[in-house]
N, C-alpha and C. Protein backbone atom coordinates (compact mmCIF):
# COMPACT_ATOMS: atom_id res chain seq x y z
N MET A 1 34.36 -3.97 6.55
CA MET A 1 34.84 -2.64 6.86
C MET A 1 33.76 -1.61 6.50
N GLN A 2 33.72 -0.58 7.28
CA GLN A 2 32.73 0.49 7.13
C GLN A 2 32.92 1.22 5.80
N ASN A 3 31.82 1.39 5.05
CA ASN A 3 31.89 2.00 3.73
C ASN A 3 31.50 3.48 3.68
N TRP A 4 30.73 3.97 4.65
CA TRP A 4 30.24 5.35 4.60
C TRP A 4 30.51 6.04 5.93
N ASP A 5 30.56 7.37 5.90
CA ASP A 5 30.88 8.15 7.10
C ASP A 5 30.00 7.82 8.30
N LEU A 6 28.71 7.75 8.10
CA LEU A 6 27.78 7.60 9.22
C LEU A 6 27.23 6.18 9.35
N SER A 7 27.95 5.20 8.83
CA SER A 7 27.40 3.84 8.83
C SER A 7 28.09 2.91 9.80
N CYS A 8 28.77 3.43 10.82
CA CYS A 8 29.47 2.53 11.73
C CYS A 8 28.49 1.61 12.46
N GLY A 9 27.28 2.10 12.77
CA GLY A 9 26.29 1.23 13.41
C GLY A 9 25.89 0.09 12.50
N ALA A 10 25.63 0.40 11.23
CA ALA A 10 25.28 -0.64 10.26
C ALA A 10 26.45 -1.59 10.05
N ALA A 11 27.66 -1.06 9.95
CA ALA A 11 28.84 -1.90 9.72
C ALA A 11 29.13 -2.79 10.93
N ALA A 12 29.03 -2.24 12.14
CA ALA A 12 29.27 -3.04 13.34
C ALA A 12 28.21 -4.13 13.46
N LEU A 13 26.96 -3.78 13.19
CA LEU A 13 25.89 -4.78 13.26
C LEU A 13 26.09 -5.86 12.20
N THR A 14 26.52 -5.48 11.01
CA THR A 14 26.80 -6.45 9.96
C THR A 14 27.89 -7.42 10.42
N THR A 15 28.95 -6.89 11.01
CA THR A 15 30.02 -7.73 11.54
C THR A 15 29.48 -8.72 12.56
N LEU A 16 28.66 -8.23 13.47
CA LEU A 16 28.09 -9.09 14.50
C LEU A 16 27.23 -10.20 13.89
N LEU A 17 26.37 -9.84 12.96
CA LEU A 17 25.47 -10.83 12.36
C LEU A 17 26.25 -11.84 11.52
N GLN A 18 27.25 -11.38 10.78
CA GLN A 18 28.02 -12.29 9.93
C GLN A 18 28.88 -13.25 10.74
N TYR A 19 29.68 -12.71 11.64
CA TYR A 19 30.68 -13.53 12.31
C TYR A 19 30.17 -14.25 13.55
N GLN A 20 29.14 -13.73 14.17
CA GLN A 20 28.61 -14.42 15.35
C GLN A 20 27.52 -15.42 14.97
N PHE A 21 26.74 -15.08 13.93
CA PHE A 21 25.58 -15.92 13.60
C PHE A 21 25.62 -16.52 12.21
N GLY A 22 26.61 -16.17 11.39
CA GLY A 22 26.69 -16.72 10.04
C GLY A 22 25.66 -16.14 9.09
N ASP A 23 25.08 -15.00 9.43
CA ASP A 23 24.09 -14.32 8.60
C ASP A 23 24.84 -13.56 7.49
N THR A 24 24.50 -13.81 6.24
CA THR A 24 25.25 -13.25 5.11
C THR A 24 24.79 -11.85 4.70
N VAL A 25 24.17 -11.13 5.57
CA VAL A 25 23.71 -9.78 5.28
C VAL A 25 24.90 -8.85 5.00
N THR A 26 24.68 -7.84 4.14
CA THR A 26 25.73 -6.88 3.82
C THR A 26 25.48 -5.56 4.56
N GLU A 27 26.52 -4.74 4.63
CA GLU A 27 26.37 -3.42 5.25
C GLU A 27 25.31 -2.59 4.52
N ARG A 28 25.30 -2.67 3.21
CA ARG A 28 24.30 -1.93 2.42
C ARG A 28 22.89 -2.38 2.80
N GLU A 29 22.67 -3.69 2.93
CA GLU A 29 21.35 -4.20 3.30
C GLU A 29 20.95 -3.73 4.70
N VAL A 30 21.90 -3.76 5.63
CA VAL A 30 21.60 -3.30 6.98
C VAL A 30 21.29 -1.81 6.97
N ALA A 31 22.12 -1.01 6.30
CA ALA A 31 21.89 0.44 6.25
C ALA A 31 20.54 0.76 5.60
N THR A 32 20.20 0.04 4.53
CA THR A 32 18.91 0.24 3.87
C THR A 32 17.77 -0.11 4.82
N GLY A 33 17.91 -1.21 5.54
CA GLY A 33 16.89 -1.61 6.51
C GLY A 33 16.75 -0.61 7.65
N LEU A 34 17.87 -0.04 8.08
CA LEU A 34 17.82 0.94 9.17
C LEU A 34 17.16 2.24 8.75
N ILE A 35 17.43 2.68 7.54
CA ILE A 35 16.91 3.97 7.08
C ILE A 35 15.49 3.87 6.54
N ASN A 36 15.01 2.67 6.34
CA ASN A 36 13.67 2.45 5.77
C ASN A 36 12.59 2.56 6.85
N ARG A 37 12.54 3.74 7.46
CA ARG A 37 11.52 4.05 8.46
C ARG A 37 10.88 5.37 8.08
N ASP A 38 9.61 5.52 8.39
CA ASP A 38 8.89 6.74 8.02
C ASP A 38 9.60 8.01 8.48
N VAL A 39 10.15 8.00 9.70
CA VAL A 39 10.79 9.20 10.23
C VAL A 39 12.01 9.58 9.41
N TYR A 40 12.77 8.60 8.92
CA TYR A 40 13.96 8.90 8.12
C TYR A 40 13.60 9.21 6.67
N ILE A 41 12.56 8.59 6.16
CA ILE A 41 12.12 8.88 4.79
C ILE A 41 11.60 10.32 4.72
N ALA A 42 10.85 10.74 5.75
CA ALA A 42 10.32 12.10 5.80
C ALA A 42 11.42 13.13 6.09
N ASN A 43 12.43 12.73 6.85
CA ASN A 43 13.52 13.65 7.25
C ASN A 43 14.87 12.98 7.04
N PRO A 44 15.33 12.81 5.80
CA PRO A 44 16.58 12.09 5.56
C PRO A 44 17.80 12.72 6.24
N ILE A 45 17.75 13.99 6.53
CA ILE A 45 18.87 14.67 7.18
C ILE A 45 19.02 14.25 8.64
N LEU A 46 17.98 13.62 9.20
CA LEU A 46 17.97 13.23 10.60
C LEU A 46 19.14 12.30 10.95
N VAL A 47 19.47 11.38 10.07
CA VAL A 47 20.60 10.47 10.33
C VAL A 47 21.88 11.27 10.48
N GLN A 48 22.06 12.25 9.62
CA GLN A 48 23.26 13.08 9.69
C GLN A 48 23.26 13.93 10.96
N LEU A 49 22.12 14.51 11.32
CA LEU A 49 22.05 15.32 12.53
C LEU A 49 22.33 14.49 13.78
N ARG A 50 21.90 13.24 13.77
CA ARG A 50 22.13 12.34 14.91
C ARG A 50 23.51 11.69 14.84
N GLN A 51 24.24 11.97 13.79
CA GLN A 51 25.56 11.39 13.54
C GLN A 51 25.49 9.87 13.43
N GLY A 52 24.46 9.38 12.75
CA GLY A 52 24.33 7.95 12.52
C GLY A 52 23.03 7.41 13.10
N PHE A 53 23.01 6.10 13.25
CA PHE A 53 21.83 5.42 13.75
C PHE A 53 21.95 5.19 15.26
N SER A 54 20.80 5.00 15.90
CA SER A 54 20.76 4.77 17.34
C SER A 54 20.73 3.27 17.64
N LEU A 55 20.97 2.94 18.90
CA LEU A 55 20.85 1.54 19.31
C LEU A 55 19.42 1.05 19.15
N LEU A 56 18.44 1.94 19.33
CA LEU A 56 17.05 1.56 19.12
C LEU A 56 16.80 1.21 17.65
N ASP A 57 17.41 1.95 16.73
CA ASP A 57 17.31 1.61 15.31
C ASP A 57 17.87 0.20 15.07
N LEU A 58 19.01 -0.09 15.68
CA LEU A 58 19.63 -1.41 15.51
C LEU A 58 18.73 -2.50 16.08
N LYS A 59 18.12 -2.23 17.23
CA LYS A 59 17.21 -3.21 17.84
C LYS A 59 16.03 -3.50 16.92
N ARG A 60 15.44 -2.47 16.39
CA ARG A 60 14.29 -2.67 15.48
C ARG A 60 14.70 -3.54 14.29
N TYR A 61 15.88 -3.29 13.76
CA TYR A 61 16.34 -4.04 12.60
C TYR A 61 16.54 -5.53 12.94
N VAL A 62 17.27 -5.82 14.01
CA VAL A 62 17.53 -7.23 14.32
C VAL A 62 16.26 -7.96 14.73
N ASP A 63 15.36 -7.27 15.43
CA ASP A 63 14.10 -7.90 15.81
C ASP A 63 13.30 -8.30 14.57
N LYS A 64 13.31 -7.45 13.53
CA LYS A 64 12.62 -7.78 12.28
C LYS A 64 13.24 -8.99 11.58
N ARG A 65 14.53 -9.21 11.79
CA ARG A 65 15.23 -10.33 11.17
C ARG A 65 15.11 -11.62 11.98
N GLY A 66 14.37 -11.59 13.09
CA GLY A 66 14.17 -12.80 13.87
C GLY A 66 15.15 -12.99 15.01
N TYR A 67 15.94 -11.98 15.28
CA TYR A 67 16.85 -12.02 16.43
C TYR A 67 16.19 -11.29 17.60
N LEU A 68 16.85 -11.33 18.72
CA LEU A 68 16.40 -10.58 19.89
C LEU A 68 17.48 -9.57 20.23
N GLY A 69 17.19 -8.28 20.03
CA GLY A 69 18.13 -7.22 20.36
C GLY A 69 17.83 -6.68 21.74
N MET A 70 18.87 -6.58 22.56
CA MET A 70 18.70 -6.13 23.95
C MET A 70 19.71 -5.04 24.26
N GLY A 71 19.21 -3.89 24.71
CA GLY A 71 20.07 -2.80 25.14
C GLY A 71 20.18 -2.78 26.65
N PHE A 72 21.37 -2.50 27.14
CA PHE A 72 21.61 -2.47 28.58
C PHE A 72 22.28 -1.16 28.96
N GLY A 73 21.87 -0.58 30.08
CA GLY A 73 22.49 0.61 30.62
C GLY A 73 23.22 0.27 31.91
N GLY A 74 24.05 1.19 32.36
CA GLY A 74 24.78 0.99 33.61
C GLY A 74 25.71 -0.21 33.57
N MET A 75 26.29 -0.48 32.42
CA MET A 75 27.13 -1.67 32.27
C MET A 75 28.53 -1.45 32.84
N SER A 76 29.10 -2.54 33.31
CA SER A 76 30.48 -2.55 33.79
C SER A 76 31.32 -3.41 32.84
N LEU A 77 32.61 -3.39 33.03
CA LEU A 77 33.50 -4.24 32.24
C LEU A 77 33.14 -5.71 32.44
N GLN A 78 32.80 -6.08 33.66
CA GLN A 78 32.40 -7.46 33.93
C GLN A 78 31.13 -7.84 33.17
N ASP A 79 30.20 -6.91 33.04
CA ASP A 79 28.99 -7.16 32.25
C ASP A 79 29.36 -7.41 30.79
N LEU A 80 30.27 -6.60 30.25
CA LEU A 80 30.71 -6.80 28.87
C LEU A 80 31.33 -8.17 28.69
N GLU A 81 32.21 -8.55 29.61
CA GLU A 81 32.88 -9.85 29.50
C GLU A 81 31.88 -10.99 29.55
N ARG A 82 30.88 -10.87 30.38
CA ARG A 82 29.88 -11.93 30.53
C ARG A 82 28.96 -12.03 29.31
N ARG A 83 28.69 -10.91 28.65
CA ARG A 83 27.73 -10.90 27.54
C ARG A 83 28.37 -10.83 26.16
N ALA A 84 29.69 -10.75 26.08
CA ALA A 84 30.38 -10.56 24.79
C ALA A 84 29.95 -11.61 23.76
N PRO A 85 29.86 -11.17 22.50
CA PRO A 85 30.20 -9.87 21.94
C PRO A 85 29.09 -8.84 22.19
N VAL A 86 29.51 -7.60 22.46
CA VAL A 86 28.58 -6.52 22.77
C VAL A 86 28.92 -5.31 21.90
N LEU A 87 27.92 -4.77 21.23
CA LEU A 87 28.09 -3.56 20.43
C LEU A 87 28.01 -2.37 21.38
N ILE A 88 29.02 -1.52 21.36
CA ILE A 88 29.08 -0.40 22.31
C ILE A 88 29.46 0.90 21.61
N PRO A 89 29.03 2.04 22.18
CA PRO A 89 29.45 3.33 21.65
C PRO A 89 30.75 3.79 22.31
N VAL A 90 31.65 4.29 21.50
CA VAL A 90 32.91 4.84 22.00
C VAL A 90 33.12 6.22 21.38
N ASN A 91 34.00 6.98 21.98
CA ASN A 91 34.39 8.26 21.40
C ASN A 91 35.90 8.24 21.29
N ILE A 92 36.36 8.04 20.06
CA ILE A 92 37.80 7.98 19.79
C ILE A 92 38.14 9.18 18.92
N THR A 93 39.11 9.94 19.34
CA THR A 93 39.57 11.15 18.64
C THR A 93 38.43 12.13 18.36
N GLY A 94 37.49 12.24 19.31
CA GLY A 94 36.44 13.24 19.20
C GLY A 94 35.22 12.84 18.41
N TYR A 95 35.15 11.61 17.93
CA TYR A 95 34.00 11.16 17.14
C TYR A 95 33.31 9.99 17.83
N ASN A 96 31.98 10.07 17.90
CA ASN A 96 31.22 8.94 18.41
C ASN A 96 31.21 7.84 17.35
N HIS A 97 31.31 6.60 17.81
CA HIS A 97 31.55 5.48 16.90
C HIS A 97 31.04 4.21 17.58
N PHE A 98 30.57 3.24 16.81
CA PHE A 98 30.18 1.94 17.35
C PHE A 98 31.27 0.92 17.05
N VAL A 99 31.59 0.11 18.05
CA VAL A 99 32.52 -1.01 17.91
C VAL A 99 31.91 -2.21 18.62
N ILE A 100 32.52 -3.36 18.43
CA ILE A 100 32.08 -4.57 19.12
C ILE A 100 33.15 -4.97 20.12
N PHE A 101 32.78 -5.02 21.39
CA PHE A 101 33.66 -5.54 22.43
C PHE A 101 33.67 -7.04 22.30
N ARG A 102 34.86 -7.63 22.06
CA ARG A 102 34.98 -9.07 21.89
C ARG A 102 35.47 -9.77 23.15
N GLY A 103 36.31 -9.09 23.93
CA GLY A 103 36.81 -9.73 25.14
C GLY A 103 37.97 -8.97 25.74
N ARG A 104 38.50 -9.54 26.82
CA ARG A 104 39.62 -8.93 27.54
C ARG A 104 40.61 -10.01 27.92
N LEU A 105 41.88 -9.65 27.90
CA LEU A 105 42.95 -10.52 28.38
C LEU A 105 43.91 -9.63 29.15
N GLY A 106 43.98 -9.81 30.46
CA GLY A 106 44.84 -8.97 31.28
C GLY A 106 44.41 -7.52 31.20
N ASP A 107 45.36 -6.66 30.83
CA ASP A 107 45.05 -5.23 30.76
C ASP A 107 44.76 -4.76 29.34
N ARG A 108 44.35 -5.68 28.45
CA ARG A 108 44.03 -5.33 27.07
C ARG A 108 42.62 -5.78 26.74
N VAL A 109 41.93 -4.98 25.94
CA VAL A 109 40.61 -5.37 25.43
C VAL A 109 40.72 -5.54 23.92
N LEU A 110 39.87 -6.39 23.39
CA LEU A 110 39.84 -6.67 21.95
C LEU A 110 38.53 -6.14 21.40
N LEU A 111 38.63 -5.32 20.37
CA LEU A 111 37.47 -4.73 19.73
C LEU A 111 37.44 -5.10 18.25
N ALA A 112 36.24 -5.34 17.73
CA ALA A 112 36.04 -5.42 16.28
C ALA A 112 35.55 -4.03 15.89
N ASP A 113 36.39 -3.30 15.19
CA ASP A 113 36.10 -1.91 14.83
C ASP A 113 35.79 -1.86 13.34
N PRO A 114 34.58 -1.42 12.96
CA PRO A 114 34.22 -1.43 11.55
C PRO A 114 35.07 -0.49 10.70
N ALA A 115 35.73 0.48 11.31
CA ALA A 115 36.58 1.40 10.55
C ALA A 115 38.03 0.92 10.47
N TRP A 116 38.51 0.19 11.48
CA TRP A 116 39.92 -0.17 11.56
C TRP A 116 40.18 -1.67 11.64
N GLY A 117 39.15 -2.49 11.68
CA GLY A 117 39.36 -3.93 11.82
C GLY A 117 39.51 -4.31 13.28
N ASN A 118 40.02 -5.50 13.53
CA ASN A 118 40.23 -5.94 14.91
C ASN A 118 41.38 -5.14 15.50
N ARG A 119 41.17 -4.65 16.72
CA ARG A 119 42.21 -3.86 17.37
C ARG A 119 42.17 -4.10 18.86
N THR A 120 43.31 -3.96 19.49
CA THR A 120 43.38 -4.03 20.94
C THR A 120 43.72 -2.65 21.47
N MET A 121 43.36 -2.44 22.72
CA MET A 121 43.78 -1.22 23.40
C MET A 121 43.88 -1.54 24.88
N THR A 122 44.60 -0.70 25.59
CA THR A 122 44.75 -0.92 27.02
C THR A 122 43.40 -0.74 27.70
N LEU A 123 43.25 -1.41 28.80
CA LEU A 123 42.02 -1.29 29.58
C LEU A 123 41.80 0.16 30.02
N ALA A 124 42.86 0.84 30.40
CA ALA A 124 42.74 2.24 30.84
C ALA A 124 42.21 3.12 29.70
N ARG A 125 42.74 2.94 28.50
CA ARG A 125 42.25 3.74 27.37
C ARG A 125 40.81 3.37 27.04
N PHE A 126 40.51 2.07 27.06
CA PHE A 126 39.14 1.63 26.76
C PHE A 126 38.15 2.29 27.72
N GLU A 127 38.46 2.32 28.99
CA GLU A 127 37.55 2.92 29.96
C GLU A 127 37.37 4.42 29.72
N ARG A 128 38.37 5.07 29.12
CA ARG A 128 38.23 6.49 28.78
C ARG A 128 37.35 6.70 27.55
N VAL A 129 37.43 5.80 26.56
CA VAL A 129 36.70 6.03 25.30
C VAL A 129 35.29 5.45 25.30
N TRP A 130 35.00 4.46 26.15
CA TRP A 130 33.65 3.90 26.22
C TRP A 130 32.76 5.00 26.80
N ILE A 131 31.78 5.43 26.04
CA ILE A 131 30.96 6.59 26.41
C ILE A 131 30.15 6.29 27.67
N ASP A 132 30.22 7.22 28.61
CA ASP A 132 29.49 7.13 29.88
C ASP A 132 28.42 8.22 29.85
N TYR A 133 27.19 7.84 29.51
CA TYR A 133 26.09 8.80 29.39
C TYR A 133 25.61 9.23 30.77
N LEU A 134 25.28 10.50 30.89
CA LEU A 134 24.86 11.06 32.16
C LEU A 134 23.67 10.32 32.76
N ASP A 135 22.67 10.02 31.93
CA ASP A 135 21.45 9.40 32.45
C ASP A 135 21.43 7.88 32.37
N LEU A 136 22.25 7.28 31.52
CA LEU A 136 22.22 5.82 31.32
C LEU A 136 23.49 5.11 31.76
N GLY A 137 24.54 5.84 32.00
CA GLY A 137 25.83 5.21 32.27
C GLY A 137 26.40 4.64 30.99
N ARG A 138 27.19 3.61 31.11
CA ARG A 138 27.78 2.96 29.94
C ARG A 138 26.77 1.94 29.40
N VAL A 139 26.55 2.02 28.09
CA VAL A 139 25.52 1.17 27.48
C VAL A 139 26.15 0.16 26.54
N GLY A 140 25.38 -0.88 26.26
CA GLY A 140 25.79 -1.90 25.31
C GLY A 140 24.57 -2.54 24.68
N PHE A 141 24.79 -3.15 23.53
CA PHE A 141 23.71 -3.77 22.77
C PHE A 141 24.12 -5.20 22.43
N VAL A 142 23.27 -6.13 22.83
CA VAL A 142 23.52 -7.56 22.65
C VAL A 142 22.48 -8.13 21.71
N VAL A 143 22.91 -9.01 20.84
CA VAL A 143 21.99 -9.69 19.92
C VAL A 143 22.01 -11.18 20.25
N ALA A 144 20.83 -11.76 20.39
CA ALA A 144 20.70 -13.20 20.60
C ALA A 144 19.87 -13.77 19.45
N HIS A 145 20.11 -15.01 19.13
CA HIS A 145 19.36 -15.67 18.06
C HIS A 145 18.25 -16.47 18.72
N LYS A 146 17.02 -16.12 18.39
CA LYS A 146 15.88 -16.83 18.98
C LYS A 146 15.95 -18.31 18.60
N GLY A 147 15.83 -19.16 19.59
CA GLY A 147 15.77 -20.59 19.34
C GLY A 147 17.12 -21.28 19.25
N LYS A 148 18.23 -20.53 19.38
CA LYS A 148 19.55 -21.14 19.34
C LYS A 148 20.31 -20.71 20.59
N PRO A 149 21.07 -21.62 21.17
CA PRO A 149 21.81 -21.27 22.38
C PRO A 149 22.93 -20.28 22.09
N ALA A 150 23.34 -19.54 23.12
CA ALA A 150 24.47 -18.62 22.99
C ALA A 150 25.71 -19.41 22.58
N GLY A 151 26.52 -18.81 21.74
CA GLY A 151 27.73 -19.47 21.30
C GLY A 151 27.50 -20.47 20.18
N HIS A 152 26.27 -20.53 19.66
CA HIS A 152 25.96 -21.44 18.56
C HIS A 152 26.83 -21.06 17.37
N PRO A 153 27.41 -22.04 16.68
CA PRO A 153 28.30 -21.73 15.55
C PRO A 153 27.64 -20.78 14.57
N PRO A 154 28.44 -19.89 13.92
CA PRO A 154 29.89 -19.94 13.89
C PRO A 154 30.58 -19.27 15.07
N ALA A 155 29.97 -18.34 15.76
CA ALA A 155 30.54 -17.72 16.98
C ALA A 155 32.01 -17.34 16.80
N GLN A 156 32.34 -16.72 15.68
CA GLN A 156 33.73 -16.39 15.37
C GLN A 156 34.22 -15.12 16.06
N LEU A 157 33.39 -14.46 16.82
CA LEU A 157 33.83 -13.26 17.53
C LEU A 157 34.40 -13.58 18.91
N ALA A 158 34.30 -14.84 19.34
CA ALA A 158 34.89 -15.22 20.61
C ALA A 158 36.41 -15.02 20.51
N PRO A 159 37.01 -14.30 21.45
CA PRO A 159 38.44 -14.00 21.32
C PRO A 159 39.33 -15.21 21.59
N ARG A 160 40.45 -15.22 20.87
CA ARG A 160 41.51 -16.20 21.12
C ARG A 160 42.71 -15.44 21.66
N GLU A 161 43.55 -16.10 22.40
CA GLU A 161 44.71 -15.43 22.97
C GLU A 161 45.57 -14.78 21.88
N SER A 162 45.67 -15.42 20.73
CA SER A 162 46.48 -14.88 19.63
C SER A 162 45.91 -13.58 19.07
N ASP A 163 44.63 -13.30 19.32
CA ASP A 163 44.03 -12.04 18.86
C ASP A 163 44.57 -10.82 19.61
N PHE A 164 45.17 -11.05 20.76
CA PHE A 164 45.63 -9.95 21.60
C PHE A 164 47.09 -9.56 21.35
N VAL A 165 47.70 -10.10 20.32
CA VAL A 165 49.09 -9.79 20.01
C VAL A 165 49.19 -8.32 19.61
N THR A 166 50.16 -7.63 20.17
CA THR A 166 50.40 -6.23 19.81
C THR A 166 51.86 -6.07 19.40
N LEU A 167 52.09 -5.13 18.52
CA LEU A 167 53.45 -4.83 18.07
C LEU A 167 53.95 -3.62 18.83
N ASN A 168 55.17 -3.68 19.26
CA ASN A 168 55.76 -2.54 19.99
C ASN A 168 56.58 -1.69 19.07
């Protein structure tokens, strides 16, 4: 779970690394690695002004750890389903936030949300909150492990039908 106001990128990335790849990194370690750049050391307020870290920051971090970070623009729901799990930016209740798209079942999507845990939402609501940038469209960030096939254990972010249970 997310520990600091502006650390949803670090928390979402930690979730992805832990549950998809079995990497025991902590949110604090990821946040420290993300902020340990000359631009942030010289201007620590920059993270706050940007309202957190960028997908490029996340890419730099995973690449240093031996993974391959890939950002995609102009993504569709089908792209997300094909590449899941995918770290994506959303705007829920007026705040930009990073979550992990885990999958879809019917008209529901499953997200790993660093602030709220695993949650489902209707496809219609998801399409409203997934940020659609003017110049890039809808973006997503995928992490692959160099030298290991996709889905290599533990791969615990793959959705199960029971993950989509909702209470009325």
